Amino acid sequence: DGSAYKEVGLAHWNAPNTGSTNLAEFNAIPGGSRDQTQLTFYNLGNFGYWWSQNESGSSNGFAKQLKYNSNEIQTLDHQKEQGYSVRCIVDLP
């Protein structure tokens, strides 16, 4: 359920930000995606995309998508040129 990963409220998400609870403390913010030809970002506030570590080929990879109007998590197979977000995690001692 994607609601557990989405930042609560409308500071970054467009309304209605369906089901957001942030129970997983991921605090997902909708950074949209990059246009491959114009190199500009679009869908800010509507969608958040995060690359996974898994590839589906040399030019494609898998990403997770969260939406402003849904609590679903979708898995996408897109070209790496899409310019999605990356979440870095540090293992602390």
N, C-alpha and C. Protein backbone atom coordinates (compact mmCIF):
# COMPACT_ATOMS: atom_id res chain seq x y z
N ASP A 1 0.84 -1.18 0.00
CA ASP A 1 0.00 0.00 0.00
C ASP A 1 0.88 1.24 0.00
N GLY A 2 0.75 2.07 -1.01
CA GLY A 2 1.58 3.24 -1.17
C GLY A 2 1.32 4.34 -0.17
N SER A 3 0.16 4.33 0.49
CA SER A 3 -0.15 5.39 1.44
C SER A 3 0.85 5.43 2.59
N ALA A 4 1.44 4.31 2.94
CA ALA A 4 2.40 4.23 4.04
C ALA A 4 3.72 4.92 3.71
N TYR A 5 3.96 5.23 2.43
CA TYR A 5 5.22 5.83 2.00
C TYR A 5 5.11 7.32 1.67
N LYS A 6 3.87 7.81 1.48
CA LYS A 6 3.66 9.18 1.03
C LYS A 6 3.69 10.18 2.18
N GLU A 7 4.37 11.32 1.94
CA GLU A 7 4.34 12.43 2.89
C GLU A 7 2.89 12.83 3.14
N VAL A 8 2.56 13.09 4.39
CA VAL A 8 1.21 13.49 4.76
C VAL A 8 1.02 14.98 4.45
N GLY A 9 -0.17 15.33 3.99
CA GLY A 9 -0.50 16.73 3.77
C GLY A 9 -0.33 17.15 2.32
N LEU A 10 -0.45 18.46 2.11
CA LEU A 10 -0.45 19.02 0.76
C LEU A 10 0.69 20.01 0.53
N ALA A 11 1.73 19.94 1.35
CA ALA A 11 2.87 20.84 1.17
C ALA A 11 3.57 20.58 -0.16
N HIS A 12 3.63 19.32 -0.58
CA HIS A 12 4.28 18.95 -1.85
C HIS A 12 3.34 18.20 -2.79
N TRP A 13 2.42 17.42 -2.23
CA TRP A 13 1.47 16.65 -3.03
C TRP A 13 0.28 17.52 -3.40
N ASN A 14 -0.25 17.33 -4.60
CA ASN A 14 -1.50 17.97 -4.99
C ASN A 14 -2.66 17.23 -4.34
N ALA A 15 -3.77 17.93 -4.12
CA ALA A 15 -4.96 17.33 -3.53
C ALA A 15 -5.53 16.28 -4.48
N PRO A 16 -6.00 15.16 -3.96
CA PRO A 16 -6.33 14.93 -2.57
C PRO A 16 -5.25 14.20 -1.76
N ASN A 17 -4.12 13.82 -2.34
CA ASN A 17 -3.09 13.03 -1.67
C ASN A 17 -3.71 11.84 -0.96
N THR A 18 -4.42 11.04 -1.72
CA THR A 18 -5.23 9.93 -1.23
C THR A 18 -4.48 9.00 -0.29
N GLY A 19 -5.03 8.82 0.90
CA GLY A 19 -4.59 7.80 1.84
C GLY A 19 -3.24 8.00 2.50
N SER A 20 -2.60 9.14 2.33
CA SER A 20 -1.24 9.30 2.85
C SER A 20 -1.19 9.17 4.37
N THR A 21 -0.27 8.30 4.86
CA THR A 21 -0.09 8.11 6.29
C THR A 21 1.38 8.19 6.70
N ASN A 22 2.31 7.91 5.78
CA ASN A 22 3.75 7.89 6.02
C ASN A 22 4.14 6.94 7.16
N LEU A 23 3.38 5.87 7.36
CA LEU A 23 3.68 4.91 8.42
C LEU A 23 5.06 4.27 8.25
N ALA A 24 5.53 4.15 7.03
CA ALA A 24 6.85 3.55 6.78
C ALA A 24 7.98 4.57 6.97
N GLU A 25 7.63 5.83 7.21
CA GLU A 25 8.59 6.92 7.41
C GLU A 25 9.52 7.13 6.22
N PHE A 26 9.03 6.83 5.03
CA PHE A 26 9.77 7.07 3.79
C PHE A 26 9.67 8.55 3.39
N ASN A 27 8.52 9.17 3.73
CA ASN A 27 8.29 10.58 3.47
C ASN A 27 8.40 10.95 1.99
N ALA A 28 7.77 10.14 1.12
CA ALA A 28 7.85 10.32 -0.32
C ALA A 28 7.26 11.66 -0.75
N ILE A 29 8.03 12.38 -1.57
CA ILE A 29 7.62 13.66 -2.13
C ILE A 29 7.56 13.50 -3.65
N PRO A 30 6.50 14.02 -4.29
CA PRO A 30 6.28 13.82 -5.73
C PRO A 30 7.18 14.67 -6.61
N GLY A 31 8.34 14.14 -6.99
CA GLY A 31 9.30 14.87 -7.80
C GLY A 31 9.06 14.82 -9.28
N GLY A 32 7.99 14.15 -9.71
CA GLY A 32 7.69 14.06 -11.14
C GLY A 32 8.75 13.28 -11.90
N SER A 33 8.90 13.57 -13.18
CA SER A 33 9.90 12.90 -14.00
C SER A 33 10.45 13.89 -15.03
N ARG A 34 11.57 13.52 -15.62
CA ARG A 34 12.24 14.40 -16.57
C ARG A 34 11.83 14.08 -18.00
N ASP A 35 11.53 15.10 -18.77
CA ASP A 35 11.25 14.94 -20.19
C ASP A 35 12.56 14.63 -20.90
N GLN A 36 12.61 13.56 -21.67
CA GLN A 36 13.84 13.09 -22.29
C GLN A 36 14.39 14.02 -23.36
N THR A 37 13.54 14.81 -23.99
CA THR A 37 14.02 15.67 -25.07
C THR A 37 14.24 17.11 -24.60
N GLN A 38 13.35 17.64 -23.77
CA GLN A 38 13.48 19.02 -23.32
C GLN A 38 14.29 19.15 -22.02
N LEU A 39 14.53 18.02 -21.37
CA LEU A 39 15.28 17.97 -20.13
C LEU A 39 14.67 18.85 -19.04
N THR A 40 13.35 18.95 -19.04
CA THR A 40 12.63 19.66 -17.99
C THR A 40 11.82 18.65 -17.19
N PHE A 41 11.44 19.01 -15.99
CA PHE A 41 10.65 18.12 -15.15
C PHE A 41 9.17 18.47 -15.26
N TYR A 42 8.33 17.46 -15.17
CA TYR A 42 6.89 17.65 -15.25
C TYR A 42 6.20 16.71 -14.27
N ASN A 43 4.94 16.94 -14.02
CA ASN A 43 4.12 16.20 -13.06
C ASN A 43 4.56 16.37 -11.62
N LEU A 44 5.27 17.46 -11.31
CA LEU A 44 5.61 17.76 -9.93
C LEU A 44 4.31 17.92 -9.14
N GLY A 45 4.23 17.31 -7.99
CA GLY A 45 3.03 17.37 -7.17
C GLY A 45 2.02 16.28 -7.45
N ASN A 46 2.09 15.67 -8.64
CA ASN A 46 1.14 14.61 -9.02
C ASN A 46 1.70 13.21 -8.84
N PHE A 47 2.96 13.02 -9.23
CA PHE A 47 3.54 11.68 -9.22
C PHE A 47 4.94 11.70 -8.64
N GLY A 48 5.29 10.62 -7.97
CA GLY A 48 6.65 10.40 -7.52
C GLY A 48 7.15 9.09 -8.11
N TYR A 49 8.37 9.08 -8.62
CA TYR A 49 8.98 7.90 -9.22
C TYR A 49 10.33 7.67 -8.56
N TRP A 50 10.62 6.42 -8.22
CA TRP A 50 11.90 6.06 -7.61
C TRP A 50 12.44 4.82 -8.30
N TRP A 51 13.68 4.91 -8.77
CA TRP A 51 14.33 3.77 -9.40
C TRP A 51 14.56 2.68 -8.37
N SER A 52 14.41 1.43 -8.78
CA SER A 52 14.84 0.30 -7.96
C SER A 52 16.25 -0.07 -8.39
N GLN A 53 16.86 -0.99 -7.72
CA GLN A 53 18.20 -1.42 -8.11
C GLN A 53 18.17 -2.42 -9.25
N ASN A 54 16.99 -2.85 -9.66
CA ASN A 54 16.85 -3.88 -10.68
C ASN A 54 16.71 -3.30 -12.08
N GLU A 55 17.44 -3.89 -13.01
CA GLU A 55 17.36 -3.50 -14.40
C GLU A 55 16.53 -4.52 -15.18
N SER A 56 15.95 -4.06 -16.27
CA SER A 56 15.25 -4.98 -17.17
C SER A 56 15.98 -5.07 -18.50
N GLY A 57 17.15 -4.48 -18.58
CA GLY A 57 17.97 -4.48 -19.78
C GLY A 57 19.01 -3.39 -19.66
N SER A 58 19.86 -3.27 -20.67
CA SER A 58 20.94 -2.29 -20.59
C SER A 58 20.43 -0.84 -20.61
N SER A 59 19.28 -0.59 -21.22
CA SER A 59 18.77 0.78 -21.28
C SER A 59 17.49 0.99 -20.47
N ASN A 60 16.98 -0.07 -19.84
CA ASN A 60 15.74 0.04 -19.06
C ASN A 60 15.95 -0.41 -17.62
N GLY A 61 15.11 0.12 -16.75
CA GLY A 61 15.14 -0.28 -15.36
C GLY A 61 13.74 -0.25 -14.78
N PHE A 62 13.60 -0.81 -13.59
CA PHE A 62 12.31 -0.82 -12.91
C PHE A 62 12.24 0.34 -11.93
N ALA A 63 11.08 0.94 -11.85
CA ALA A 63 10.85 2.05 -10.93
C ALA A 63 9.51 1.84 -10.24
N LYS A 64 9.35 2.47 -9.09
CA LYS A 64 8.08 2.48 -8.37
C LYS A 64 7.44 3.84 -8.55
N GLN A 65 6.11 3.86 -8.66
CA GLN A 65 5.37 5.10 -8.86
C GLN A 65 4.32 5.25 -7.77
N LEU A 66 4.23 6.45 -7.20
CA LEU A 66 3.15 6.83 -6.30
C LEU A 66 2.40 7.99 -6.94
N LYS A 67 1.07 8.03 -6.73
CA LYS A 67 0.22 9.05 -7.34
C LYS A 67 -0.50 9.88 -6.29
N TYR A 68 -0.82 11.12 -6.65
CA TYR A 68 -1.53 12.02 -5.74
C TYR A 68 -2.96 11.57 -5.47
N ASN A 69 -3.57 10.82 -6.39
CA ASN A 69 -4.98 10.46 -6.28
C ASN A 69 -5.21 8.97 -6.09
N SER A 70 -4.21 8.27 -5.55
CA SER A 70 -4.31 6.83 -5.36
C SER A 70 -3.37 6.43 -4.22
N ASN A 71 -3.67 5.30 -3.59
CA ASN A 71 -2.75 4.77 -2.57
C ASN A 71 -2.04 3.52 -3.07
N GLU A 72 -2.08 3.28 -4.37
CA GLU A 72 -1.40 2.13 -4.97
C GLU A 72 0.07 2.44 -5.23
N ILE A 73 0.88 1.38 -5.23
CA ILE A 73 2.27 1.46 -5.71
C ILE A 73 2.30 0.71 -7.03
N GLN A 74 2.76 1.35 -8.08
CA GLN A 74 2.88 0.68 -9.37
C GLN A 74 4.35 0.46 -9.69
N THR A 75 4.64 -0.68 -10.33
CA THR A 75 5.99 -0.95 -10.81
C THR A 75 6.02 -0.69 -12.30
N LEU A 76 6.98 0.10 -12.73
CA LEU A 76 7.11 0.49 -14.14
C LEU A 76 8.42 -0.01 -14.71
N ASP A 77 8.43 -0.31 -15.98
CA ASP A 77 9.64 -0.69 -16.72
C ASP A 77 9.88 0.41 -17.74
N HIS A 78 10.82 1.32 -17.44
CA HIS A 78 11.03 2.49 -18.29
C HIS A 78 12.49 2.66 -18.67
N GLN A 79 12.71 3.51 -19.67
CA GLN A 79 14.07 3.84 -20.10
C GLN A 79 14.77 4.62 -18.99
N LYS A 80 16.04 4.33 -18.82
CA LYS A 80 16.82 4.99 -17.78
C LYS A 80 16.93 6.50 -17.99
N GLU A 81 16.71 6.96 -19.19
CA GLU A 81 16.76 8.39 -19.49
C GLU A 81 15.62 9.17 -18.83
N GLN A 82 14.65 8.48 -18.25
CA GLN A 82 13.49 9.13 -17.66
C GLN A 82 13.82 10.07 -16.50
N GLY A 83 14.93 9.96 -15.87
CA GLY A 83 15.29 10.90 -14.82
C GLY A 83 14.41 10.83 -13.60
N TYR A 84 14.28 9.67 -12.98
CA TYR A 84 13.49 9.52 -11.76
C TYR A 84 14.35 9.75 -10.53
N SER A 85 13.70 9.82 -9.40
CA SER A 85 14.39 10.02 -8.12
C SER A 85 15.10 8.75 -7.68
N VAL A 86 16.09 8.95 -6.80
CA VAL A 86 16.84 7.85 -6.20
C VAL A 86 16.83 8.08 -4.70
N ARG A 87 16.57 7.05 -3.95
CA ARG A 87 16.60 7.15 -2.48
C ARG A 87 17.86 6.47 -2.00
N CYS A 88 18.74 7.21 -1.36
CA CYS A 88 19.98 6.66 -0.82
C CYS A 88 19.80 6.36 0.66
N ILE A 89 20.26 5.19 1.05
CA ILE A 89 20.16 4.76 2.44
C ILE A 89 21.56 4.47 2.96
N VAL A 90 21.86 4.97 4.12
CA VAL A 90 23.17 4.76 4.73
C VAL A 90 23.00 3.84 5.92
N ASP A 91 23.84 2.82 5.99
CA ASP A 91 23.85 1.95 7.16
C ASP A 91 24.74 2.58 8.23
N LEU A 92 24.14 2.98 9.32
CA LEU A 92 24.91 3.60 10.40
C LEU A 92 25.43 2.52 11.35
N PRO A 93 26.61 2.74 11.93
CA PRO A 93 27.16 1.75 12.86
C PRO A 93 26.35 1.63 14.14
